[in-house]
Amino acid sequence: MKSSQIKLNFGAKVLWWISKGIALMPRWLRYGVVCNFIYFVLRYVMRYRRKVIFGQLAESFPLKSEAEIEAIGNEYYHTLAESFVGTMSLAAMDVEARKRALKVEVPQHILDLVEGKHFVFLSSHHNLWEYAQFAGLCFANHLTICAYHPLSSQAWDQFYFKLRSSESALPVPSAEVLRYFLSNRNQGVDGKQLLLGLIADQNSPPQGDVHWYDFLNHKTLFFEGGEHLALKFGLPVLYFSMSRIRAGEYRGEVKVVYDGVESVAKHEITERYARLLEQDICREPSRWMWSHRRWKYHPDPVTGEVIYTRK
């Protein structure tokens, strides 16, 4: 084995040991001590992406006062700390622990809608997005495919792949999701249909026929891969909404965006997703990922051409 591969494997194992150590801590220690320490470092020592966070909050909620924006931004650092600790806790979570961490009941009419079918499951970076895959446990006859963007660090990428993998969930790079779906569309995987889990609120680069959505007081681009899959193959589309109960524990709700047969206009499915997500963010504004530069692109007000802004 090459030395570079040995270093990569060792790095991934060290990250896993650290994660396992955090995961095995008592809850009071993880969320009462470690979480608050991380919050303090991010908020007051590193001042992590403060300009990006508070700038995007102010632009998105122009009617809120400076004090309100400050309060939301401050609470967002708690969200970041909780997300880190909650994600590391995956290393020691069995099925029952995952069900306790995310309480979700899927209405029977939704279970009936997707029975025997592949379907698209749209989630977002609202609340602890890594736990959205737990909703797949409610669909016993489906294998959850978690689309993800590979990280530049191979050690971190290998670590996160292991962290996200389980008997009911398989991480697949976003660029390979379509190929994976086409390869398994007819026979499924081990007798199971596919639940295509997509986090659809990432910053989409302008490609092809650009369409702008009104979202949080901005003209916004969205990844439309879920809509394209749904319309091409007649797949139902579900939206997953998550709300916080307490640190490390969440409640989920599943909603129908598209039933797989309805006649809809182009961009309508993504538009519905944007509206549902916007409602969730306005309900719990500090729970969305504001440290991600969401609006790097915007249309020129005169020509409509795409402008890249590095703030």
Protein backbone atom coordinates (compact mmCIF):
# COMPACT_ATOMS: atom_id res chain seq x y z
CA MET A 1 0.00 0.00 0.00
CA LYS A 2 1.34 3.44 -0.93
CA SER A 3 2.30 5.82 1.88
CA SER A 4 -0.28 8.37 0.68
CA GLN A 5 -3.04 5.76 1.03
CA ILE A 6 -1.79 4.79 4.48
CA LYS A 7 -1.90 8.45 5.56
CA LEU A 8 -5.40 8.81 4.09
CA ASN A 9 -6.71 5.74 5.93
CA PHE A 10 -5.04 6.82 9.16
CA GLY A 11 -6.51 10.32 8.89
CA ALA A 12 -10.01 8.95 8.32
CA LYS A 13 -9.61 6.59 11.28
CA VAL A 14 -8.47 9.41 13.57
CA LEU A 15 -11.53 11.44 12.58
CA TRP A 16 -13.71 8.40 13.25
CA TRP A 17 -12.17 7.85 16.70
CA ILE A 18 -12.76 11.51 17.59
CA SER A 19 -16.34 11.26 16.36
CA LYS A 20 -16.90 8.03 18.30
CA GLY A 21 -15.48 9.64 21.42
CA ILE A 22 -17.93 12.54 21.17
CA ALA A 23 -20.82 10.21 20.32
CA LEU A 24 -20.23 8.06 23.42
CA MET A 25 -20.25 11.02 25.80
CA PRO A 26 -23.30 11.45 28.04
CA ARG A 27 -25.88 13.76 26.50
CA TRP A 28 -25.32 16.49 29.11
CA LEU A 29 -21.61 16.54 28.28
CA ARG A 30 -22.08 16.59 24.49
CA TYR A 31 -24.72 19.31 24.38
CA GLY A 32 -24.14 21.05 27.70
CA VAL A 33 -20.35 21.38 27.58
CA VAL A 34 -18.86 20.46 24.18
CA CYS A 35 -21.60 22.20 22.22
CA ASN A 36 -21.34 25.41 24.26
CA PHE A 37 -17.54 25.38 23.95
CA ILE A 38 -17.79 25.08 20.15
CA TYR A 39 -20.37 27.89 20.12
CA PHE A 40 -18.03 30.16 22.11
CA VAL A 41 -15.09 29.47 19.78
CA LEU A 42 -17.14 30.04 16.61
CA ARG A 43 -18.94 33.13 17.88
CA TYR A 44 -16.30 34.99 19.86
CA VAL A 45 -12.87 33.58 19.02
CA MET A 46 -13.03 32.75 15.31
CA ARG A 47 -15.99 35.07 14.60
CA TYR A 48 -16.68 32.47 11.95
CA ARG A 49 -17.96 34.02 8.70
CA ARG A 50 -19.62 36.78 10.67
CA LYS A 51 -19.81 39.15 7.70
CA VAL A 52 -21.46 36.51 5.50
CA ILE A 53 -23.94 35.38 8.16
CA PHE A 54 -25.15 38.79 9.31
CA GLY A 55 -25.01 40.29 5.82
CA GLN A 56 -27.26 37.61 4.34
CA LEU A 57 -29.64 37.78 7.28
CA ALA A 58 -30.02 41.55 6.90
CA GLU A 59 -30.65 41.24 3.15
CA SER A 60 -33.14 38.40 3.57
CA PHE A 61 -35.16 40.07 6.34
CA PRO A 62 -35.10 43.81 5.57
CA LEU A 63 -38.05 44.49 7.88
CA LYS A 64 -36.29 43.13 10.95
CA SER A 65 -34.40 45.48 13.25
CA GLU A 66 -30.66 45.31 13.87
CA ALA A 67 -31.37 43.82 17.29
CA GLU A 68 -33.50 41.07 15.74
CA ILE A 69 -30.85 40.28 13.13
CA GLU A 70 -28.20 40.19 15.87
CA ALA A 71 -30.32 37.77 17.92
CA ILE A 72 -30.94 35.44 14.96
CA GLY A 73 -27.25 35.49 14.01
CA ASN A 74 -26.20 34.75 17.57
CA GLU A 75 -28.60 31.81 17.75
CA TYR A 76 -27.30 30.57 14.41
CA TYR A 77 -23.89 29.94 16.00
CA HIS A 78 -25.69 27.65 18.45
CA THR A 79 -27.20 25.87 15.43
CA LEU A 80 -23.74 25.35 13.94
CA ALA A 81 -22.39 23.95 17.20
CA GLU A 82 -25.38 21.63 17.62
CA SER A 83 -25.05 20.46 14.03
CA PHE A 84 -21.41 19.53 14.54
CA VAL A 85 -22.07 17.60 17.75
CA GLY A 86 -25.19 15.96 16.30
CA THR A 87 -23.32 14.89 13.18
CA MET A 88 -20.44 13.42 15.20
CA SER A 89 -23.04 11.53 17.25
CA LEU A 90 -23.91 9.50 14.15
CA ALA A 91 -20.86 7.35 14.88
CA ALA A 92 -22.63 5.58 17.76
CA MET A 93 -26.30 5.74 16.72
CA ASP A 94 -28.19 2.53 16.04
CA VAL A 95 -31.64 2.38 14.45
CA GLU A 96 -33.49 2.98 17.71
CA ALA A 97 -31.28 5.98 18.57
CA ARG A 98 -31.97 7.43 15.13
CA LYS A 99 -35.71 7.07 15.62
CA ARG A 100 -35.43 8.88 18.95
CA ALA A 101 -33.35 11.66 17.40
CA LEU A 102 -35.90 12.28 14.64
CA LYS A 103 -39.56 11.77 15.43
CA VAL A 104 -41.57 11.56 12.22
CA GLU A 105 -44.83 9.91 11.22
CA VAL A 106 -45.70 9.65 7.56
CA PRO A 107 -49.44 9.85 6.75
CA GLN A 108 -50.91 6.72 5.20
CA HIS A 109 -51.88 8.49 1.99
CA ILE A 110 -48.21 9.35 1.41
CA LEU A 111 -47.10 5.77 2.11
CA ASP A 112 -49.73 4.60 -0.39
CA LEU A 113 -48.53 7.15 -2.96
CA VAL A 114 -44.94 5.83 -3.00
CA GLU A 115 -45.63 2.14 -2.43
CA GLY A 116 -43.80 0.13 -5.08
CA LYS A 117 -42.32 3.28 -6.66
CA HIS A 118 -39.05 5.12 -6.67
CA PHE A 119 -39.47 8.71 -5.45
CA VAL A 120 -37.60 11.97 -4.90
CA PHE A 121 -37.19 13.22 -1.34
CA LEU A 122 -36.25 16.90 -1.13
CA SER A 123 -34.70 18.19 2.08
CA SER A 124 -32.58 21.24 2.89
CA HIS A 125 -29.95 22.73 5.18
CA HIS A 126 -32.61 23.61 7.73
CA ASN A 127 -32.00 22.20 11.20
CA LEU A 128 -29.70 19.16 11.38
CA TRP A 129 -29.75 18.13 7.71
CA GLU A 130 -27.62 15.01 8.30
CA TYR A 131 -30.59 13.55 10.22
CA ALA A 132 -32.99 13.92 7.29
CA GLN A 133 -31.92 10.45 6.12
CA PHE A 134 -33.55 9.01 9.27
CA ALA A 135 -36.95 9.74 7.70
CA GLY A 136 -36.10 6.95 5.26
CA LEU A 137 -36.66 4.49 8.11
CA CYS A 138 -40.38 5.17 7.71
CA PHE A 139 -40.23 3.76 4.18
CA ALA A 140 -39.29 0.16 4.93
CA ASN A 141 -39.49 -0.95 1.30
CA HIS A 142 -37.09 1.72 0.06
CA LEU A 143 -33.31 2.20 0.15
CA THR A 144 -32.37 5.80 0.94
CA ILE A 145 -29.87 7.22 -1.54
CA CYS A 146 -28.14 10.24 0.04
CA ALA A 147 -26.76 12.52 -2.66
CA TYR A 148 -23.66 14.36 -1.48
CA HIS A 149 -20.85 16.53 -2.83
CA PRO A 150 -17.44 14.88 -2.28
CA LEU A 151 -15.07 16.92 -0.12
CA SER A 152 -11.69 18.10 -1.36
CA SER A 153 -9.99 16.41 1.61
CA GLN A 154 -10.01 12.68 0.90
CA ALA A 155 -9.66 11.83 4.60
CA TRP A 156 -12.69 13.93 5.52
CA ASP A 157 -14.60 12.59 2.52
CA GLN A 158 -13.89 8.99 3.53
CA PHE A 159 -14.87 9.78 7.12
CA TYR A 160 -18.19 11.39 6.15
CA PHE A 161 -19.01 8.53 3.79
CA LYS A 162 -18.68 6.08 6.68
CA LEU A 163 -20.62 8.38 9.01
CA ARG A 164 -23.53 8.68 6.56
CA SER A 165 -23.69 5.01 5.60
CA SER A 166 -26.07 2.56 7.25
CA GLU A 167 -28.12 -0.51 6.40
CA SER A 168 -30.94 1.73 5.19
CA ALA A 169 -28.92 4.56 3.61
CA LEU A 170 -26.25 4.69 0.91
CA PRO A 171 -24.30 7.90 0.14
CA VAL A 172 -23.84 8.47 -3.61
CA PRO A 173 -21.94 11.45 -5.12
CA SER A 174 -24.40 13.94 -6.64
CA ALA A 175 -22.78 13.63 -10.07
CA GLU A 176 -23.44 9.89 -10.04
CA VAL A 177 -27.02 9.83 -8.72
CA LEU A 178 -28.63 9.76 -12.18
CA ARG A 179 -26.35 6.94 -13.34
CA TYR A 180 -27.06 4.98 -10.15
CA PHE A 181 -30.79 5.47 -10.58
CA LEU A 182 -30.75 4.37 -14.23
CA SER A 183 -28.67 1.30 -13.36
CA ASN A 184 -31.16 0.22 -10.69
CA ARG A 185 -34.42 1.66 -12.01
CA ASN A 186 -35.87 -1.64 -13.21
CA GLN A 187 -34.82 -4.13 -10.54
CA GLY A 188 -34.25 -1.86 -7.52
CA VAL A 189 -31.60 -2.77 -4.91
CA ASP A 190 -32.02 -5.95 -2.87
CA GLY A 191 -35.71 -5.92 -3.66
CA LYS A 192 -36.14 -2.31 -2.53
CA GLN A 193 -37.21 0.75 -4.48
CA LEU A 194 -35.08 3.91 -4.33
CA LEU A 195 -35.68 6.96 -2.18
CA LEU A 196 -33.58 9.66 -3.86
CA GLY A 197 -32.63 12.04 -1.06
CA LEU A 198 -31.55 15.43 -2.40
CA ILE A 199 -30.56 18.50 -0.39
CA ALA A 200 -31.82 20.96 -2.98
CA ASP A 201 -30.99 24.37 -1.48
CA GLN A 202 -27.29 24.45 -2.31
CA ASN A 203 -25.92 27.34 -4.32
CA SER A 204 -26.50 26.25 -7.91
CA PRO A 205 -24.10 27.56 -10.55
CA PRO A 206 -25.81 29.07 -13.62
CA GLN A 207 -26.07 26.31 -16.19
CA GLY A 208 -28.12 25.99 -19.36
CA ASP A 209 -31.60 27.50 -19.20
CA VAL A 210 -31.22 29.61 -16.05
CA HIS A 211 -34.40 30.20 -14.06
CA TRP A 212 -34.56 32.61 -11.13
CA TYR A 213 -36.82 32.04 -8.14
CA ASP A 214 -37.97 34.70 -5.68
CA PHE A 215 -36.62 33.46 -2.36
CA LEU A 216 -35.91 35.34 0.87
CA ASN A 217 -35.87 38.75 -0.79
CA HIS A 218 -33.39 37.57 -3.46
CA LYS A 219 -33.44 36.30 -7.02
CA THR A 220 -32.17 32.79 -6.42
CA LEU A 221 -30.94 29.79 -8.37
CA PHE A 222 -31.90 26.27 -7.23
CA PHE A 223 -30.68 22.86 -8.28
CA GLU A 224 -33.50 21.41 -10.38
CA GLY A 225 -32.24 17.83 -10.63
CA GLY A 226 -35.11 16.54 -8.51
CA GLU A 227 -37.67 18.14 -10.80
CA HIS A 228 -35.96 16.81 -13.92
CA LEU A 229 -35.93 13.25 -12.54
CA ALA A 230 -39.56 13.47 -11.44
CA LEU A 231 -40.86 14.73 -14.77
CA LYS A 232 -38.78 12.39 -16.92
CA PHE A 233 -39.61 9.22 -15.01
CA GLY A 234 -42.94 10.07 -13.39
CA LEU A 235 -41.59 10.00 -9.83
CA PRO A 236 -43.50 11.40 -6.85
CA VAL A 237 -41.70 14.22 -5.04
CA LEU A 238 -41.90 14.64 -1.27
CA TYR A 239 -40.67 17.54 0.84
CA PHE A 240 -39.16 17.01 4.27
CA SER A 241 -39.65 19.68 6.92
CA MET A 242 -37.68 19.53 10.17
CA SER A 243 -38.18 21.45 13.41
CA ARG A 244 -36.18 21.42 16.63
CA ILE A 245 -37.50 19.86 19.85
CA ARG A 246 -34.26 20.30 21.80
CA ALA A 247 -30.56 19.96 21.05
CA GLY A 248 -30.06 16.68 19.18
CA GLU A 249 -33.77 15.89 18.89
CA TYR A 250 -36.01 16.92 16.02
CA ARG A 251 -39.47 16.47 14.61
CA GLY A 252 -40.04 15.79 10.92
CA GLU A 253 -43.01 16.25 8.63
CA VAL A 254 -43.35 14.86 5.11
CA LYS A 255 -45.40 16.73 2.49
CA VAL A 256 -46.35 15.92 -1.10
CA VAL A 257 -44.89 18.31 -3.67
CA TYR A 258 -45.77 16.32 -6.79
CA ASP A 259 -47.67 13.06 -7.15
CA GLY A 260 -45.82 11.84 -10.23
CA VAL A 261 -48.74 12.16 -12.65
CA GLU A 262 -50.03 15.72 -12.30
CA SER A 263 -49.53 17.97 -15.31
CA VAL A 264 -47.30 20.83 -14.15
CA ALA A 265 -45.52 23.71 -15.82
CA LYS A 266 -41.75 23.78 -16.10
CA HIS A 267 -40.12 24.92 -12.83
CA GLU A 268 -43.39 24.41 -10.88
CA ILE A 269 -42.06 21.56 -8.73
CA THR A 270 -38.97 23.54 -7.73
CA GLU A 271 -41.14 26.61 -7.12
CA ARG A 272 -43.28 24.61 -4.67
CA TYR A 273 -40.14 23.40 -2.93
CA ALA A 274 -38.83 26.97 -2.62
CA ARG A 275 -42.09 28.16 -1.07
CA LEU A 276 -42.18 25.33 1.49
CA LEU A 277 -38.55 25.89 2.43
CA GLU A 278 -39.06 29.65 2.73
CA GLN A 279 -41.92 29.03 5.15
CA ASP A 280 -39.72 26.80 7.29
CA ILE A 281 -36.89 29.34 7.35
CA CYS A 282 -39.21 32.18 8.32
CA ARG A 283 -40.61 29.99 11.11
CA GLU A 284 -37.15 29.15 12.49
CA PRO A 285 -34.73 31.61 10.82
CA SER A 286 -31.71 30.72 12.96
CA ARG A 287 -31.89 27.07 11.91
CA TRP A 288 -30.86 27.53 8.25
CA MET A 289 -27.24 27.48 7.04
CA TRP A 290 -26.47 31.20 6.79
CA SER A 291 -22.69 30.74 6.74
CA HIS A 292 -22.98 29.30 3.22
CA ARG A 293 -22.71 32.05 0.58
CA ARG A 294 -26.11 31.42 -0.98
CA TRP A 295 -26.30 34.39 -3.37
CA LYS A 296 -23.03 34.44 -5.26
CA TYR A 297 -24.99 34.84 -8.48
CA HIS A 298 -27.72 37.31 -9.34
CA PRO A 299 -29.30 38.61 -12.56
CA ASP A 300 -28.39 42.00 -14.00
CA PRO A 301 -31.56 44.12 -13.52
CA VAL A 302 -31.31 45.48 -17.07
CA THR A 303 -29.87 42.73 -19.27
CA GLY A 304 -30.81 39.71 -17.15
CA GLU A 305 -27.29 38.33 -17.56
CA VAL A 306 -25.82 36.36 -14.69
CA ILE A 307 -23.49 38.35 -12.45
CA TYR A 308 -21.05 36.72 -10.06
CA THR A 309 -20.44 38.65 -6.86
CA ARG A 310 -17.72 37.72 -4.40
CA LYS A 311 -18.76 39.31 -1.15
